[in-house]
Amino acid sequence: MTDSNIIWNHLNRHYDNSHPFIYQNCVNKKLIGSNDISYKIFSAIKDIFCPPIDENYVKNIIKQYLENKKHLYKNGKLSIKSIY
């Protein structure tokens, strides 16, 4: 299993479709911007992955994960529940 798969699986488990960050990223970008969401996710997981893995690599995987969720939502393949 590659580093990117490990990070991706961690993000899938901890930031699933019902997480407020995913809702904000896909549905409502007015409250929190996508860069803020990426930074908050990175801050939460950097202690887990960053000693052995480069920080920029982890940030790139987070960005890809959020873009993938947004793409799936726009194509109707992802159902996201409201946080309110």
N, C-alpha and C. Protein backbone atom coordinates (compact mmCIF):
# COMPACT_ATOMS: atom_id res chain seq x y z
N MET A 1 0.84 -1.17 0.00
CA MET A 1 0.00 0.00 0.00
C MET A 1 0.90 1.25 0.00
N THR A 2 0.61 2.17 -0.88
CA THR A 2 1.43 3.36 -1.01
C THR A 2 1.03 4.40 0.04
N ASP A 3 1.89 5.42 0.18
CA ASP A 3 1.61 6.49 1.13
C ASP A 3 0.31 7.21 0.80
N SER A 4 0.09 7.46 -0.48
CA SER A 4 -1.13 8.17 -0.87
C SER A 4 -2.38 7.36 -0.53
N ASN A 5 -2.33 6.04 -0.70
CA ASN A 5 -3.47 5.19 -0.34
C ASN A 5 -3.74 5.22 1.16
N ILE A 6 -2.69 5.23 1.96
CA ILE A 6 -2.85 5.27 3.40
C ILE A 6 -3.50 6.59 3.83
N ILE A 7 -3.03 7.70 3.27
CA ILE A 7 -3.61 9.00 3.60
C ILE A 7 -5.05 9.08 3.11
N TRP A 8 -5.29 8.62 1.90
CA TRP A 8 -6.64 8.65 1.32
C TRP A 8 -7.61 7.83 2.18
N ASN A 9 -7.20 6.65 2.62
CA ASN A 9 -8.05 5.82 3.47
C ASN A 9 -8.32 6.49 4.82
N HIS A 10 -7.32 7.15 5.36
CA HIS A 10 -7.51 7.89 6.61
C HIS A 10 -8.53 9.01 6.42
N LEU A 11 -8.42 9.74 5.32
CA LEU A 11 -9.36 10.82 5.05
C LEU A 11 -10.78 10.28 4.84
N ASN A 12 -10.90 9.17 4.14
CA ASN A 12 -12.22 8.55 3.94
C ASN A 12 -12.86 8.14 5.26
N ARG A 13 -12.06 7.66 6.18
CA ARG A 13 -12.60 7.20 7.45
C ARG A 13 -12.97 8.37 8.36
N HIS A 14 -12.15 9.39 8.43
CA HIS A 14 -12.36 10.48 9.38
C HIS A 14 -13.13 11.66 8.80
N TYR A 15 -13.15 11.80 7.50
CA TYR A 15 -13.86 12.91 6.86
C TYR A 15 -14.82 12.34 5.81
N ASP A 16 -15.81 11.62 6.29
CA ASP A 16 -16.78 11.00 5.38
C ASP A 16 -17.79 12.04 4.90
N ASN A 17 -18.80 11.59 4.18
CA ASN A 17 -19.76 12.51 3.56
C ASN A 17 -20.60 13.29 4.56
N SER A 18 -20.69 12.82 5.78
CA SER A 18 -21.49 13.53 6.78
C SER A 18 -20.68 14.55 7.58
N HIS A 19 -19.40 14.67 7.30
CA HIS A 19 -18.56 15.61 8.03
C HIS A 19 -18.84 17.04 7.56
N PRO A 20 -18.88 18.01 8.49
CA PRO A 20 -19.16 19.41 8.11
C PRO A 20 -18.17 19.99 7.11
N PHE A 21 -16.91 19.59 7.15
CA PHE A 21 -15.93 20.10 6.19
C PHE A 21 -16.29 19.69 4.76
N ILE A 22 -16.76 18.46 4.59
CA ILE A 22 -17.13 17.99 3.26
C ILE A 22 -18.36 18.76 2.77
N TYR A 23 -19.31 18.98 3.66
CA TYR A 23 -20.50 19.77 3.30
C TYR A 23 -20.09 21.18 2.87
N GLN A 24 -19.23 21.82 3.65
CA GLN A 24 -18.80 23.18 3.33
C GLN A 24 -18.03 23.22 2.01
N ASN A 25 -17.22 22.22 1.76
CA ASN A 25 -16.43 22.19 0.54
C ASN A 25 -17.30 21.99 -0.70
N CYS A 26 -18.32 21.13 -0.61
CA CYS A 26 -19.11 20.78 -1.78
C CYS A 26 -20.33 21.67 -1.98
N VAL A 27 -21.00 22.04 -0.90
CA VAL A 27 -22.28 22.71 -1.02
C VAL A 27 -22.19 24.21 -0.78
N ASN A 28 -21.59 24.60 0.32
CA ASN A 28 -21.62 26.01 0.71
C ASN A 28 -20.21 26.50 1.00
N LYS A 29 -19.64 27.23 0.07
CA LYS A 29 -18.28 27.72 0.23
C LYS A 29 -18.24 29.12 0.85
N LYS A 30 -19.38 29.66 1.23
CA LYS A 30 -19.40 31.03 1.75
C LYS A 30 -18.84 31.11 3.16
N LEU A 31 -19.10 30.11 3.99
CA LEU A 31 -18.68 30.18 5.39
C LEU A 31 -17.19 29.91 5.56
N ILE A 32 -16.70 28.88 4.92
CA ILE A 32 -15.29 28.50 5.02
C ILE A 32 -14.78 28.22 3.62
N GLY A 33 -13.66 28.81 3.24
CA GLY A 33 -13.09 28.57 1.92
C GLY A 33 -12.40 27.22 1.86
N SER A 34 -12.16 26.74 0.66
CA SER A 34 -11.54 25.42 0.49
C SER A 34 -10.10 25.40 1.01
N ASN A 35 -9.39 26.53 0.93
CA ASN A 35 -8.04 26.57 1.50
C ASN A 35 -8.07 26.46 3.01
N ASP A 36 -9.06 27.08 3.65
CA ASP A 36 -9.20 26.97 5.10
C ASP A 36 -9.53 25.54 5.50
N ILE A 37 -10.37 24.89 4.72
CA ILE A 37 -10.73 23.50 5.01
C ILE A 37 -9.50 22.62 4.87
N SER A 38 -8.73 22.80 3.82
CA SER A 38 -7.51 22.01 3.62
C SER A 38 -6.55 22.22 4.78
N TYR A 39 -6.40 23.46 5.21
CA TYR A 39 -5.47 23.77 6.31
C TYR A 39 -5.94 23.12 7.61
N LYS A 40 -7.25 23.17 7.88
CA LYS A 40 -7.77 22.58 9.12
C LYS A 40 -7.61 21.06 9.12
N ILE A 41 -7.85 20.43 7.99
CA ILE A 41 -7.65 18.99 7.90
C ILE A 41 -6.17 18.65 8.06
N PHE A 42 -5.31 19.43 7.40
CA PHE A 42 -3.87 19.19 7.51
C PHE A 42 -3.40 19.36 8.95
N SER A 43 -3.88 20.37 9.63
CA SER A 43 -3.49 20.60 11.02
C SER A 43 -3.89 19.42 11.91
N ALA A 44 -5.02 18.81 11.59
CA ALA A 44 -5.49 17.68 12.40
C ALA A 44 -4.69 16.40 12.16
N ILE A 45 -4.17 16.22 10.94
CA ILE A 45 -3.51 14.94 10.63
C ILE A 45 -2.00 15.05 10.45
N LYS A 46 -1.43 16.25 10.56
CA LYS A 46 0.00 16.38 10.28
C LYS A 46 0.87 15.62 11.28
N ASP A 47 0.44 15.52 12.53
CA ASP A 47 1.24 14.78 13.51
C ASP A 47 1.25 13.28 13.25
N ILE A 48 0.27 12.81 12.51
CA ILE A 48 0.21 11.39 12.19
C ILE A 48 1.14 11.04 11.03
N PHE A 49 1.13 11.88 9.99
CA PHE A 49 1.81 11.51 8.75
C PHE A 49 3.11 12.26 8.47
N CYS A 50 3.29 13.44 9.03
CA CYS A 50 4.39 14.27 8.56
C CYS A 50 5.80 13.93 9.05
N PRO A 51 6.02 13.28 10.13
CA PRO A 51 7.42 12.91 10.35
C PRO A 51 8.00 12.03 9.24
N PRO A 52 7.30 10.99 8.77
CA PRO A 52 7.91 10.22 7.68
C PRO A 52 7.58 10.72 6.27
N ILE A 53 6.48 11.48 6.12
CA ILE A 53 6.03 11.91 4.79
C ILE A 53 6.13 13.43 4.70
N ASP A 54 6.51 13.93 3.53
CA ASP A 54 6.66 15.36 3.30
C ASP A 54 5.32 16.09 3.46
N GLU A 55 5.36 17.27 4.10
CA GLU A 55 4.14 18.05 4.34
C GLU A 55 3.44 18.45 3.04
N ASN A 56 4.19 18.85 2.04
CA ASN A 56 3.58 19.25 0.77
C ASN A 56 2.87 18.09 0.09
N TYR A 57 3.41 16.90 0.23
CA TYR A 57 2.77 15.71 -0.33
C TYR A 57 1.43 15.45 0.34
N VAL A 58 1.38 15.58 1.67
CA VAL A 58 0.14 15.37 2.42
C VAL A 58 -0.88 16.44 2.04
N LYS A 59 -0.44 17.69 1.91
CA LYS A 59 -1.35 18.77 1.51
C LYS A 59 -1.92 18.53 0.13
N ASN A 60 -1.11 18.02 -0.77
CA ASN A 60 -1.55 17.72 -2.12
C ASN A 60 -2.61 16.61 -2.12
N ILE A 61 -2.41 15.59 -1.31
CA ILE A 61 -3.39 14.50 -1.22
C ILE A 61 -4.71 15.02 -0.65
N ILE A 62 -4.65 15.89 0.35
CA ILE A 62 -5.87 16.48 0.92
C ILE A 62 -6.60 17.29 -0.13
N LYS A 63 -5.87 18.07 -0.90
CA LYS A 63 -6.49 18.88 -1.96
C LYS A 63 -7.16 17.98 -3.00
N GLN A 64 -6.50 16.91 -3.40
CA GLN A 64 -7.08 15.96 -4.35
C GLN A 64 -8.34 15.31 -3.78
N TYR A 65 -8.30 14.97 -2.50
CA TYR A 65 -9.45 14.35 -1.85
C TYR A 65 -10.66 15.28 -1.87
N LEU A 66 -10.44 16.54 -1.52
CA LEU A 66 -11.54 17.51 -1.51
C LEU A 66 -12.07 17.78 -2.92
N GLU A 67 -11.18 17.87 -3.90
CA GLU A 67 -11.60 18.08 -5.28
C GLU A 67 -12.39 16.87 -5.79
N ASN A 68 -11.98 15.67 -5.40
CA ASN A 68 -12.70 14.46 -5.80
C ASN A 68 -14.10 14.46 -5.21
N LYS A 69 -14.23 14.81 -3.94
CA LYS A 69 -15.55 14.86 -3.31
C LYS A 69 -16.45 15.88 -4.01
N LYS A 70 -15.89 17.04 -4.35
CA LYS A 70 -16.66 18.07 -5.03
C LYS A 70 -17.09 17.61 -6.41
N HIS A 71 -16.20 16.95 -7.12
CA HIS A 71 -16.50 16.44 -8.46
C HIS A 71 -17.61 15.38 -8.39
N LEU A 72 -17.52 14.47 -7.43
CA LEU A 72 -18.56 13.45 -7.28
C LEU A 72 -19.90 14.08 -6.92
N TYR A 73 -19.88 15.11 -6.09
CA TYR A 73 -21.11 15.78 -5.70
C TYR A 73 -21.75 16.49 -6.90
N LYS A 74 -20.95 17.17 -7.69
CA LYS A 74 -21.49 17.89 -8.86
C LYS A 74 -22.04 16.94 -9.90
N ASN A 75 -21.51 15.73 -10.00
CA ASN A 75 -22.00 14.74 -10.96
C ASN A 75 -23.16 13.91 -10.41
N GLY A 76 -23.57 14.18 -9.17
CA GLY A 76 -24.70 13.48 -8.59
C GLY A 76 -24.39 12.10 -8.05
N LYS A 77 -23.13 11.76 -7.92
CA LYS A 77 -22.73 10.44 -7.43
C LYS A 77 -22.50 10.41 -5.92
N LEU A 78 -22.66 11.57 -5.29
CA LEU A 78 -22.38 11.69 -3.87
C LEU A 78 -23.53 12.41 -3.18
N SER A 79 -24.05 11.81 -2.14
CA SER A 79 -25.14 12.41 -1.39
C SER A 79 -24.57 12.98 -0.10
N ILE A 80 -24.73 14.28 0.09
CA ILE A 80 -24.20 14.95 1.28
C ILE A 80 -25.35 15.51 2.08
N LYS A 81 -25.37 15.19 3.37
CA LYS A 81 -26.41 15.66 4.26
C LYS A 81 -26.04 17.04 4.80
N SER A 82 -27.04 17.86 5.04
CA SER A 82 -26.84 19.17 5.61
C SER A 82 -26.34 19.05 7.04
N ILE A 83 -25.50 19.99 7.44
CA ILE A 83 -24.98 19.97 8.80
C ILE A 83 -25.94 20.63 9.77
N TYR A 84 -27.00 21.23 9.25
CA TYR A 84 -27.95 21.92 10.12
C TYR A 84 -29.25 21.17 10.19
